[in-house]
Amino acid sequence: GWAWTVSLAQVEGEAPTVLEAELMPGDGALLAPDWVPWSERLA
């Protein structure tokens, strides 16, 4: 659920340049998974 994000600067008449590159969480990527009862995990 994470995404690599790259921001580029596009100035008219010039080649684009890289401003920043990072790994960002997507929607729900930082949420814990649904709870599973111990008996099911043990099984």
PDB file of all heavy atoms in Angstrom:
ATOM      1  N   GLY A   1       0.792  -1.224   0.000  1.00  0.00           N
ATOM      2  CA  GLY A   1       0.000   0.000   0.000  1.00  0.00           C
ATOM      3  C   GLY A   1       0.826   1.277   0.000  1.00  0.00           C
ATOM      4  O   GLY A   1       0.277   2.367   0.077  1.00  0.00           O
ATOM      5  N   TRP A   2       2.149   1.177  -0.072  1.00  0.00           N
ATOM      6  CA  TRP A   2       3.001   2.353  -0.113  1.00  0.00           C
ATOM      7  C   TRP A   2       3.307   2.692  -1.568  1.00  0.00           C
ATOM      8  O   TRP A   2       3.158   1.861  -2.454  1.00  0.00           O
ATOM      9  CB  TRP A   2       4.303   2.111   0.644  1.00  0.00           C
ATOM     10  CG  TRP A   2       4.129   2.042   2.133  1.00  0.00           C
ATOM     11  CD1 TRP A   2       3.372   1.148   2.826  1.00  0.00           C
ATOM     12  CD2 TRP A   2       4.718   2.898   3.096  1.00  0.00           C
ATOM     13  NE1 TRP A   2       3.458   1.389   4.168  1.00  0.00           N
ATOM     14  CE2 TRP A   2       4.290   2.465   4.361  1.00  0.00           C
ATOM     15  CE3 TRP A   2       5.572   3.982   3.018  1.00  0.00           C
ATOM     16  CZ2 TRP A   2       4.679   3.083   5.537  1.00  0.00           C
ATOM     17  CZ3 TRP A   2       5.980   4.590   4.193  1.00  0.00           C
ATOM     18  CH2 TRP A   2       5.523   4.150   5.437  1.00  0.00           C
ATOM     19  N   ALA A   3       3.757   3.927  -1.805  1.00  0.00           N
ATOM     20  CA  ALA A   3       4.057   4.358  -3.171  1.00  0.00           C
ATOM     21  C   ALA A   3       5.329   5.204  -3.189  1.00  0.00           C
ATOM     22  O   ALA A   3       5.585   5.994  -2.272  1.00  0.00           O
ATOM     23  CB  ALA A   3       2.908   5.170  -3.751  1.00  0.00           C
ATOM     24  N   TRP A   4       6.118   4.993  -4.225  1.00  0.00           N
ATOM     25  CA  TRP A   4       7.287   5.848  -4.473  1.00  0.00           C
ATOM     26  C   TRP A   4       6.763   7.114  -5.119  1.00  0.00           C
ATOM     27  O   TRP A   4       6.030   7.065  -6.100  1.00  0.00           O
ATOM     28  CB  TRP A   4       8.284   5.163  -5.401  1.00  0.00           C
ATOM     29  CG  TRP A   4       8.988   4.011  -4.770  1.00  0.00           C
ATOM     30  CD1 TRP A   4       8.768   2.698  -5.011  1.00  0.00           C
ATOM     31  CD2 TRP A   4      10.033   4.078  -3.801  1.00  0.00           C
ATOM     32  NE1 TRP A   4       9.608   1.931  -4.252  1.00  0.00           N
ATOM     33  CE2 TRP A   4      10.405   2.761  -3.496  1.00  0.00           C
ATOM     34  CE3 TRP A   4      10.685   5.126  -3.156  1.00  0.00           C
ATOM     35  CZ2 TRP A   4      11.395   2.458  -2.585  1.00  0.00           C
ATOM     36  CZ3 TRP A   4      11.683   4.813  -2.244  1.00  0.00           C
ATOM     37  CH2 TRP A   4      12.030   3.500  -1.962  1.00  0.00           C
ATOM     38  N   THR A   5       7.134   8.257  -4.567  1.00  0.00           N
ATOM     39  CA  THR A   5       6.668   9.540  -5.082  1.00  0.00           C
ATOM     40  C   THR A   5       7.881  10.384  -5.481  1.00  0.00           C
ATOM     41  O   THR A   5       8.802  10.556  -4.688  1.00  0.00           O
ATOM     42  CB  THR A   5       5.852  10.298  -4.016  1.00  0.00           C
ATOM     43  OG1 THR A   5       4.789   9.456  -3.588  1.00  0.00           O
ATOM     44  CG2 THR A   5       5.292  11.584  -4.561  1.00  0.00           C
ATOM     45  N   VAL A   6       7.857  10.900  -6.707  1.00  0.00           N
ATOM     46  CA  VAL A   6       8.934  11.745  -7.204  1.00  0.00           C
ATOM     47  C   VAL A   6       8.318  13.063  -7.656  1.00  0.00           C
ATOM     48  O   VAL A   6       7.380  13.075  -8.453  1.00  0.00           O
ATOM     49  CB  VAL A   6       9.688  11.083  -8.374  1.00  0.00           C
ATOM     50  CG1 VAL A   6      10.808  11.974  -8.870  1.00  0.00           C
ATOM     51  CG2 VAL A   6      10.227   9.718  -7.962  1.00  0.00           C
ATOM     52  N   SER A   7       8.834  14.167  -7.115  1.00  0.00           N
ATOM     53  CA  SER A   7       8.380  15.498  -7.526  1.00  0.00           C
ATOM     54  C   SER A   7       9.397  16.075  -8.490  1.00  0.00           C
ATOM     55  O   SER A   7      10.604  16.092  -8.211  1.00  0.00           O
ATOM     56  CB  SER A   7       8.242  16.418  -6.312  1.00  0.00           C
ATOM     57  OG  SER A   7       7.260  15.917  -5.443  1.00  0.00           O
ATOM     58  N   LEU A   8       8.910  16.549  -9.622  1.00  0.00           N
ATOM     59  CA  LEU A   8       9.751  17.117 -10.668  1.00  0.00           C
ATOM     60  C   LEU A   8       9.385  18.576 -10.880  1.00  0.00           C
ATOM     61  O   LEU A   8       8.216  18.951 -10.759  1.00  0.00           O
ATOM     62  CB  LEU A   8       9.565  16.354 -11.979  1.00  0.00           C
ATOM     63  CG  LEU A   8       9.759  14.838 -11.948  1.00  0.00           C
ATOM     64  CD1 LEU A   8       9.322  14.233 -13.270  1.00  0.00           C
ATOM     65  CD2 LEU A   8      11.202  14.503 -11.650  1.00  0.00           C
ATOM     66  N   ALA A   9      10.378  19.393 -11.223  1.00  0.00           N
ATOM     67  CA  ALA A   9      10.119  20.789 -11.578  1.00  0.00           C
ATOM     68  C   ALA A   9      10.129  20.894 -13.089  1.00  0.00           C
ATOM     69  O   ALA A   9      11.078  20.463 -13.742  1.00  0.00           O
ATOM     70  CB  ALA A   9      11.191  21.687 -10.975  1.00  0.00           C
ATOM     71  N   GLN A  10       9.077  21.465 -13.644  1.00  0.00           N
ATOM     72  CA  GLN A  10       8.974  21.642 -15.094  1.00  0.00           C
ATOM     73  C   GLN A  10       8.880  23.134 -15.373  1.00  0.00           C
ATOM     74  O   GLN A  10       7.834  23.745 -15.200  1.00  0.00           O
ATOM     75  CB  GLN A  10       7.745  20.907 -15.642  1.00  0.00           C
ATOM     76  CG  GLN A  10       7.550  21.070 -17.119  1.00  0.00           C
ATOM     77  CD  GLN A  10       8.670  20.421 -17.926  1.00  0.00           C
ATOM     78  OE1 GLN A  10       8.938  19.243 -17.781  1.00  0.00           O
ATOM     79  NE2 GLN A  10       9.328  21.211 -18.758  1.00  0.00           N
ATOM     80  N   VAL A  11      10.015  23.728 -15.763  1.00  0.00           N
ATOM     81  CA  VAL A  11      10.045  25.140 -16.111  1.00  0.00           C
ATOM     82  C   VAL A  11       9.965  25.234 -17.630  1.00  0.00           C
ATOM     83  O   VAL A  11      10.646  24.491 -18.350  1.00  0.00           O
ATOM     84  CB  VAL A  11      11.349  25.800 -15.584  1.00  0.00           C
ATOM     85  CG1 VAL A  11      11.405  27.259 -15.995  1.00  0.00           C
ATOM     86  CG2 VAL A  11      11.450  25.646 -14.080  1.00  0.00           C
ATOM     87  N   GLU A  12       9.167  26.179 -18.120  1.00  0.00           N
ATOM     88  CA  GLU A  12       8.943  26.309 -19.558  1.00  0.00           C
ATOM     89  C   GLU A  12      10.261  26.569 -20.290  1.00  0.00           C
ATOM     90  O   GLU A  12      11.043  27.432 -19.908  1.00  0.00           O
ATOM     91  CB  GLU A  12       7.964  27.461 -19.825  1.00  0.00           C
ATOM     92  CG  GLU A  12       7.412  27.464 -21.223  1.00  0.00           C
ATOM     93  CD  GLU A  12       6.318  28.498 -21.370  1.00  0.00           C
ATOM     94  OE1 GLU A  12       5.443  28.579 -20.478  1.00  0.00           O
ATOM     95  OE2 GLU A  12       6.351  29.211 -22.373  1.00  0.00           O
ATOM     96  N   GLY A  13      10.520  25.774 -21.309  1.00  0.00           N
ATOM     97  CA  GLY A  13      11.720  25.924 -22.114  1.00  0.00           C
ATOM     98  C   GLY A  13      12.934  25.185 -21.553  1.00  0.00           C
ATOM     99  O   GLY A  13      13.999  25.196 -22.158  1.00  0.00           O
ATOM    100  N   GLU A  14      12.825  24.537 -20.386  1.00  0.00           N
ATOM    101  CA  GLU A  14      13.938  23.815 -19.756  1.00  0.00           C
ATOM    102  C   GLU A  14      13.559  22.342 -19.586  1.00  0.00           C
ATOM    103  O   GLU A  14      12.389  21.978 -19.573  1.00  0.00           O
ATOM    104  CB  GLU A  14      14.258  24.406 -18.379  1.00  0.00           C
ATOM    105  CG  GLU A  14      14.706  25.846 -18.399  1.00  0.00           C
ATOM    106  CD  GLU A  14      16.081  26.015 -19.015  1.00  0.00           C
ATOM    107  OE1 GLU A  14      16.917  25.114 -18.862  1.00  0.00           O
ATOM    108  OE2 GLU A  14      16.307  27.059 -19.656  1.00  0.00           O
ATOM    109  N   ALA A  15      14.580  21.515 -19.422  1.00  0.00           N
ATOM    110  CA  ALA A  15      14.348  20.093 -19.147  1.00  0.00           C
ATOM    111  C   ALA A  15      13.859  19.949 -17.701  1.00  0.00           C
ATOM    112  O   ALA A  15      14.265  20.719 -16.824  1.00  0.00           O
ATOM    113  CB  ALA A  15      15.636  19.308 -19.339  1.00  0.00           C
ATOM    114  N   PRO A  16      12.988  18.993 -17.429  1.00  0.00           N
ATOM    115  CA  PRO A  16      12.514  18.805 -16.049  1.00  0.00           C
ATOM    116  C   PRO A  16      13.660  18.356 -15.139  1.00  0.00           C
ATOM    117  O   PRO A  16      14.593  17.672 -15.566  1.00  0.00           O
ATOM    118  CB  PRO A  16      11.446  17.724 -16.174  1.00  0.00           C
ATOM    119  CG  PRO A  16      11.686  17.069 -17.478  1.00  0.00           C
ATOM    120  CD  PRO A  16      12.398  18.034 -18.350  1.00  0.00           C
ATOM    121  N   THR A  17      13.590  18.767 -13.870  1.00  0.00           N
ATOM    122  CA  THR A  17      14.590  18.374 -12.875  1.00  0.00           C
ATOM    123  C   THR A  17      13.891  17.757 -11.673  1.00  0.00           C
ATOM    124  O   THR A  17      12.726  18.040 -11.400  1.00  0.00           O
ATOM    125  CB  THR A  17      15.424  19.583 -12.410  1.00  0.00           C
ATOM    126  OG1 THR A  17      14.535  20.562 -11.865  1.00  0.00           O
ATOM    127  CG2 THR A  17      16.210  20.188 -13.551  1.00  0.00           C
ATOM    128  N   VAL A  18      14.617  16.942 -10.928  1.00  0.00           N
ATOM    129  CA  VAL A  18      14.070  16.243  -9.762  1.00  0.00           C
ATOM    130  C   VAL A  18      14.150  17.152  -8.542  1.00  0.00           C
ATOM    131  O   VAL A  18      15.204  17.704  -8.231  1.00  0.00           O
ATOM    132  CB  VAL A  18      14.845  14.934  -9.499  1.00  0.00           C
ATOM    133  CG1 VAL A  18      14.319  14.250  -8.247  1.00  0.00           C
ATOM    134  CG2 VAL A  18      14.760  14.013 -10.699  1.00  0.00           C
ATOM    135  N   LEU A  19      13.036  17.316  -7.871  1.00  0.00           N
ATOM    136  CA  LEU A  19      12.999  18.069  -6.616  1.00  0.00           C
ATOM    137  C   LEU A  19      13.211  17.141  -5.424  1.00  0.00           C
ATOM    138  O   LEU A  19      14.044  17.400  -4.561  1.00  0.00           O
ATOM    139  CB  LEU A  19      11.667  18.804  -6.465  1.00  0.00           C
ATOM    140  CG  LEU A  19      11.367  19.882  -7.506  1.00  0.00           C
ATOM    141  CD1 LEU A  19       9.958  20.422  -7.319  1.00  0.00           C
ATOM    142  CD2 LEU A  19      12.390  20.998  -7.394  1.00  0.00           C
ATOM    143  N   GLU A  20      12.438  16.055  -5.367  1.00  0.00           N
ATOM    144  CA  GLU A  20      12.575  15.092  -4.278  1.00  0.00           C
ATOM    145  C   GLU A  20      11.998  13.744  -4.678  1.00  0.00           C
ATOM    146  O   GLU A  20      11.160  13.659  -5.570  1.00  0.00           O
ATOM    147  CB  GLU A  20      11.916  15.588  -2.993  1.00  0.00           C
ATOM    148  CG  GLU A  20      10.417  15.761  -3.075  1.00  0.00           C
ATOM    149  CD  GLU A  20       9.804  16.317  -1.796  1.00  0.00           C
ATOM    150  OE1 GLU A  20      10.563  16.575  -0.835  1.00  0.00           O
ATOM    151  OE2 GLU A  20       8.604  16.475  -1.749  1.00  0.00           O
ATOM    152  N   ALA A  21      12.477  12.715  -3.990  1.00  0.00           N
ATOM    153  CA  ALA A  21      11.979  11.354  -4.202  1.00  0.00           C
ATOM    154  C   ALA A  21      11.835  10.711  -2.827  1.00  0.00           C
ATOM    155  O   ALA A  21      12.731  10.833  -1.986  1.00  0.00           O
ATOM    156  CB  ALA A  21      12.947  10.558  -5.069  1.00  0.00           C
ATOM    157  N   GLU A  22      10.698  10.049  -2.606  1.00  0.00           N
ATOM    158  CA  GLU A  22      10.444   9.474  -1.285  1.00  0.00           C
ATOM    159  C   GLU A  22       9.447   8.326  -1.365  1.00  0.00           C
ATOM    160  O   GLU A  22       8.753   8.151  -2.363  1.00  0.00           O
ATOM    161  CB  GLU A  22       9.917  10.543  -0.338  1.00  0.00           C
ATOM    162  CG  GLU A  22       8.650  11.219  -0.826  1.00  0.00           C
ATOM    163  CD  GLU A  22       8.325  12.492  -0.073  1.00  0.00           C
ATOM    164  OE1 GLU A  22       8.916  12.725   0.987  1.00  0.00           O
ATOM    165  OE2 GLU A  22       7.472  13.240  -0.548  1.00  0.00           O
ATOM    166  N   LEU A  23       9.398   7.552  -0.286  1.00  0.00           N
ATOM    167  CA  LEU A  23       8.434   6.472  -0.148  1.00  0.00           C
ATOM    168  C   LEU A  23       7.342   6.959   0.790  1.00  0.00           C
ATOM    169  O   LEU A  23       7.608   7.329   1.937  1.00  0.00           O
ATOM    170  CB  LEU A  23       9.123   5.228   0.424  1.00  0.00           C
ATOM    171  CG  LEU A  23       8.294   3.979   0.585  1.00  0.00           C
ATOM    172  CD1 LEU A  23       7.776   3.505  -0.768  1.00  0.00           C
ATOM    173  CD2 LEU A  23       9.111   2.878   1.231  1.00  0.00           C
ATOM    174  N   MET A  24       6.108   6.985   0.304  1.00  0.00           N
ATOM    175  CA  MET A  24       4.992   7.526   1.075  1.00  0.00           C
ATOM    176  C   MET A  24       3.918   6.458   1.273  1.00  0.00           C
ATOM    177  O   MET A  24       3.639   5.676   0.369  1.00  0.00           O
ATOM    178  CB  MET A  24       4.363   8.715   0.343  1.00  0.00           C
ATOM    179  CG  MET A  24       5.296   9.894   0.140  1.00  0.00           C
ATOM    180  SD  MET A  24       5.673  10.750   1.659  1.00  0.00           S
ATOM    181  CE  MET A  24       4.089  11.413   2.067  1.00  0.00           C
ATOM    182  N   PRO A  25       3.276   6.442   2.459  1.00  0.00           N
ATOM    183  CA  PRO A  25       2.194   5.481   2.681  1.00  0.00           C
ATOM    184  C   PRO A  25       0.944   5.871   1.904  1.00  0.00           C
ATOM    185  O   PRO A  25       0.627   7.041   1.763  1.00  0.00           O
ATOM    186  CB  PRO A  25       1.950   5.562   4.188  1.00  0.00           C
ATOM    187  CG  PRO A  25       2.424   6.922   4.577  1.00  0.00           C
ATOM    188  CD  PRO A  25       3.550   7.264   3.636  1.00  0.00           C
ATOM    189  N   GLY A  26       0.266   4.879   1.402  1.00  0.00           N
ATOM    190  CA  GLY A  26      -0.999   5.106   0.718  1.00  0.00           C
ATOM    191  C   GLY A  26      -2.154   5.056   1.706  1.00  0.00           C
ATOM    192  O   GLY A  26      -1.954   4.915   2.920  1.00  0.00           O
ATOM    193  N   ASP A  27      -3.369   5.173   1.207  1.00  0.00           N
ATOM    194  CA  ASP A  27      -4.553   5.111   2.061  1.00  0.00           C
ATOM    195  C   ASP A  27      -4.627   3.748   2.742  1.00  0.00           C
ATOM    196  O   ASP A  27      -4.600   2.706   2.093  1.00  0.00           O
ATOM    197  CB  ASP A  27      -5.834   5.339   1.239  1.00  0.00           C
ATOM    198  CG  ASP A  27      -5.890   6.743   0.661  1.00  0.00           C
ATOM    199  OD1 ASP A  27      -5.243   7.643   1.229  1.00  0.00           O
ATOM    200  OD2 ASP A  27      -6.590   6.924  -0.353  1.00  0.00           O
ATOM    201  N   GLY A  28      -4.685   3.742   4.056  1.00  0.00           N
ATOM    202  CA  GLY A  28      -4.817   2.512   4.817  1.00  0.00           C
ATOM    203  C   GLY A  28      -3.521   1.751   5.034  1.00  0.00           C
ATOM    204  O   GLY A  28      -3.516   0.714   5.686  1.00  0.00           O
ATOM    205  N   ALA A  29      -2.405   2.252   4.510  1.00  0.00           N
ATOM    206  CA  ALA A  29      -1.133   1.530   4.644  1.00  0.00           C
ATOM    207  C   ALA A  29      -0.629   1.514   6.080  1.00  0.00           C
ATOM    208  O   ALA A  29       0.082   0.595   6.475  1.00  0.00           O
ATOM    209  CB  ALA A  29      -0.073   2.136   3.731  1.00  0.00           C
ATOM    210  N   LEU A  30      -0.994   2.502   6.867  1.00  0.00           N
ATOM    211  CA  LEU A  30      -0.518   2.581   8.246  1.00  0.00           C
ATOM    212  C   LEU A  30      -1.505   2.017   9.261  1.00  0.00           C
ATOM    213  O   LEU A  30      -1.267   2.076  10.459  1.00  0.00           O
ATOM    214  CB  LEU A  30      -0.194   4.034   8.601  1.00  0.00           C
ATOM    215  CG  LEU A  30       0.910   4.672   7.772  1.00  0.00           C
ATOM    216  CD1 LEU A  30       1.108   6.118   8.183  1.00  0.00           C
ATOM    217  CD2 LEU A  30       2.206   3.909   7.911  1.00  0.00           C
ATOM    218  N   LEU A  31      -2.607   1.467   8.783  1.00  0.00           N
ATOM    219  CA  LEU A  31      -3.600   0.882   9.680  1.00  0.00           C
ATOM    220  C   LEU A  31      -3.235  -0.558  10.002  1.00  0.00           C
ATOM    221  O   LEU A  31      -2.714  -1.287   9.162  1.00  0.00           O
ATOM    222  CB  LEU A  31      -4.983   0.927   9.033  1.00  0.00           C
ATOM    223  CG  LEU A  31      -5.534   2.314   8.743  1.00  0.00           C
ATOM    224  CD1 LEU A  31      -6.862   2.202   8.011  1.00  0.00           C
ATOM    225  CD2 LEU A  31      -5.688   3.106  10.032  1.00  0.00           C
ATOM    226  N   ALA A  32      -3.506  -0.951  11.227  1.00  0.00           N
ATOM    227  CA  ALA A  32      -3.254  -2.326  11.645  1.00  0.00           C
ATOM    228  C   ALA A  32      -4.232  -3.256  10.921  1.00  0.00           C
ATOM    229  O   ALA A  32      -5.355  -2.865  10.607  1.00  0.00           O
ATOM    230  CB  ALA A  32      -3.437  -2.458  13.150  1.00  0.00           C
ATOM    231  N   PRO A  33      -3.818  -4.485  10.671  1.00  0.00           N
ATOM    232  CA  PRO A  33      -4.746  -5.429  10.031  1.00  0.00           C
ATOM    233  C   PRO A  33      -5.905  -5.756  10.973  1.00  0.00           C
ATOM    234  O   PRO A  33      -5.837  -5.516  12.175  1.00  0.00           O
ATOM    235  CB  PRO A  33      -3.876  -6.670   9.772  1.00  0.00           C
ATOM    236  CG  PRO A  33      -2.686  -6.517  10.640  1.00  0.00           C
ATOM    237  CD  PRO A  33      -2.513  -5.064  10.920  1.00  0.00           C
ATOM    238  N   ASP A  34      -6.967  -6.306  10.417  1.00  0.00           N
ATOM    239  CA  ASP A  34      -8.123  -6.682  11.219  1.00  0.00           C
ATOM    240  C   ASP A  34      -7.713  -7.666  12.307  1.00  0.00           C
ATOM    241  O   ASP A  34      -6.848  -8.533  12.103  1.00  0.00           O
ATOM    242  CB  ASP A  34      -9.215  -7.309  10.349  1.00  0.00           C
ATOM    243  CG  ASP A  34      -9.841  -6.289   9.418  1.00  0.00           C
ATOM    244  OD1 ASP A  34      -9.809  -5.091   9.746  1.00  0.00           O
ATOM    245  OD2 ASP A  34     -10.360  -6.700   8.364  1.00  0.00           O
ATOM    246  N   TRP A  35      -8.353  -7.527  13.460  1.00  0.00           N
ATOM    247  CA  TRP A  35      -8.048  -8.381  14.591  1.00  0.00           C
ATOM    248  C   TRP A  35      -8.556  -9.794  14.327  1.00  0.00           C
ATOM    249  O   TRP A  35      -9.672  -9.991  13.830  1.00  0.00           O
ATOM    250  CB  TRP A  35      -8.687  -7.821  15.856  1.00  0.00           C
ATOM    251  CG  TRP A  35      -8.377  -8.617  17.071  1.00  0.00           C
ATOM    252  CD1 TRP A  35      -7.223  -8.635  17.772  1.00  0.00           C
ATOM    253  CD2 TRP A  35      -9.248  -9.540  17.731  1.00  0.00           C
ATOM    254  NE1 TRP A  35      -7.303  -9.489  18.827  1.00  0.00           N
ATOM    255  CE2 TRP A  35      -8.541 -10.073  18.819  1.00  0.00           C
ATOM    256  CE3 TRP A  35     -10.540  -9.964  17.494  1.00  0.00           C
ATOM    257  CZ2 TRP A  35      -9.094 -10.997  19.682  1.00  0.00           C
ATOM    258  CZ3 TRP A  35     -11.089 -10.897  18.359  1.00  0.00           C
ATOM    259  CH2 TRP A  35     -10.362 -11.403  19.445  1.00  0.00           C
ATOM    260  N   VAL A  36      -7.708 -10.773  14.654  1.00  0.00           N
ATOM    261  CA  VAL A  36      -8.070 -12.179  14.511  1.00  0.00           C
ATOM    262  C   VAL A  36      -7.993 -12.804  15.900  1.00  0.00           C
ATOM    263  O   VAL A  36      -6.983 -12.671  16.589  1.00  0.00           O
ATOM    264  CB  VAL A  36      -7.105 -12.901  13.539  1.00  0.00           C
ATOM    265  CG1 VAL A  36      -7.437 -14.375  13.439  1.00  0.00           C
ATOM    266  CG2 VAL A  36      -7.133 -12.243  12.173  1.00  0.00           C
ATOM    267  N   PRO A  37      -9.049 -13.486  16.346  1.00  0.00           N
ATOM    268  CA  PRO A  37      -9.027 -14.104  17.678  1.00  0.00           C
ATOM    269  C   PRO A  37      -7.865 -15.084  17.833  1.00  0.00           C
ATOM    270  O   PRO A  37      -7.425 -15.716  16.868  1.00  0.00           O
ATOM    271  CB  PRO A  37     -10.372 -14.849  17.757  1.00  0.00           C
ATOM    272  CG  PRO A  37     -11.231 -14.184  16.745  1.00  0.00           C
ATOM    273  CD  PRO A  37     -10.309 -13.710  15.666  1.00  0.00           C
ATOM    274  N   TRP A  38      -7.379 -15.193  19.059  1.00  0.00           N
ATOM    275  CA  TRP A  38      -6.238 -16.043  19.362  1.00  0.00           C
ATOM    276  C   TRP A  38      -6.495 -17.492  18.955  1.00  0.00           C
ATOM    277  O   TRP A  38      -5.615 -18.159  18.427  1.00  0.00           O
ATOM    278  CB  TRP A  38      -5.902 -15.962  20.850  1.00  0.00           C
ATOM    279  CG  TRP A  38      -4.901 -16.993  21.284  1.00  0.00           C
ATOM    280  CD1 TRP A  38      -5.107 -18.043  22.111  1.00  0.00           C
ATOM    281  CD2 TRP A  38      -3.535 -17.076  20.874  1.00  0.00           C
ATOM    282  NE1 TRP A  38      -3.964 -18.788  22.265  1.00  0.00           N
ATOM    283  CE2 TRP A  38      -2.965 -18.203  21.494  1.00  0.00           C
ATOM    284  CE3 TRP A  38      -2.733 -16.334  20.038  1.00  0.00           C
ATOM    285  CZ2 TRP A  38      -1.659 -18.581  21.319  1.00  0.00           C
ATOM    286  CZ3 TRP A  38      -1.413 -16.715  19.859  1.00  0.00           C
ATOM    287  CH2 TRP A  38      -0.896 -17.822  20.503  1.00  0.00           C
ATOM    288  N   SER A  39      -7.683 -17.975  19.158  1.00  0.00           N
ATOM    289  CA  SER A  39      -7.982 -19.375  18.833  1.00  0.00           C
ATOM    290  C   SER A  39      -7.780 -19.645  17.344  1.00  0.00           C
ATOM    291  O   SER A  39      -7.266 -20.703  16.961  1.00  0.00           O
ATOM    292  CB  SER A  39      -9.405 -19.730  19.257  1.00  0.00           C
ATOM    293  OG  SER A  39     -10.341 -18.891  18.602  1.00  0.00           O
ATOM    294  N   GLU A  40      -8.136 -18.682  16.491  1.00  0.00           N
ATOM    295  CA  GLU A  40      -7.943 -18.864  15.044  1.00  0.00           C
ATOM    296  C   GLU A  40      -6.459 -18.791  14.675  1.00  0.00           C
ATOM    297  O   GLU A  40      -5.971 -19.553  13.852  1.00  0.00           O
ATOM    298  CB  GLU A  40      -8.723 -17.809  14.265  1.00  0.00           C
ATOM    299  CG  GLU A  40     -10.221 -18.003  14.341  1.00  0.00           C
ATOM    300  CD  GLU A  40     -10.974 -16.917  13.594  1.00  0.00           C
ATOM    301  OE1 GLU A  40     -10.412 -16.356  12.626  1.00  0.00           O
ATOM    302  OE2 GLU A  40     -12.121 -16.640  13.982  1.00  0.00           O
ATOM    303  N   ARG A  41      -5.736 -17.845  15.302  1.00  0.00           N
ATOM    304  CA  ARG A  41      -4.294 -17.732  15.025  1.00  0.00           C
ATOM    305  C   ARG A  41      -3.567 -18.991  15.487  1.00  0.00           C
ATOM    306  O   ARG A  41      -2.655 -19.472  14.818  1.00  0.00           O
ATOM    307  CB  ARG A  41      -3.714 -16.501  15.716  1.00  0.00           C
ATOM    308  CG  ARG A  41      -4.158 -15.206  15.049  1.00  0.00           C
ATOM    309  CD  ARG A  41      -3.528 -14.017  15.699  1.00  0.00           C
ATOM    310  NE  ARG A  41      -4.233 -13.750  16.954  1.00  0.00           N
ATOM    311  CZ  ARG A  41      -3.743 -13.073  17.964  1.00  0.00           C
ATOM    312  NH1 ARG A  41      -2.529 -12.588  17.909  1.00  0.00           N
ATOM    313  NH2 ARG A  41      -4.457 -12.863  19.048  1.00  0.00           N
ATOM    314  N   LEU A  42      -3.974 -19.530  16.642  1.00  0.00           N
ATOM    315  CA  LEU A  42      -3.354 -20.741  17.162  1.00  0.00           C
ATOM    316  C   LEU A  42      -3.631 -21.925  16.243  1.00  0.00           C
ATOM    317  O   LEU A  42      -2.739 -22.731  15.967  1.00  0.00           O
ATOM    318  CB  LEU A  42      -3.858 -21.032  18.575  1.00  0.00           C
ATOM    319  CG  LEU A  42      -3.262 -22.248  19.269  1.00  0.00           C
ATOM    320  CD1 LEU A  42      -1.757 -22.093  19.408  1.00  0.00           C
ATOM    321  CD2 LEU A  42      -3.902 -22.447  20.635  1.00  0.00           C
ATOM    322  N   ALA A  43      -4.845 -22.015  15.743  1.00  0.00           N
ATOM    323  CA  ALA A  43      -5.188 -23.110  14.820  1.00  0.00           C
ATOM    324  C   ALA A  43      -4.355 -23.001  13.542  1.00  0.00           C
ATOM    325  O   ALA A  43      -3.840 -24.017  13.044  1.00  0.00           O
ATOM    326  CB  ALA A  43      -6.674 -23.070  14.491  1.00  0.00           C
TER     327      ALA A  43
END
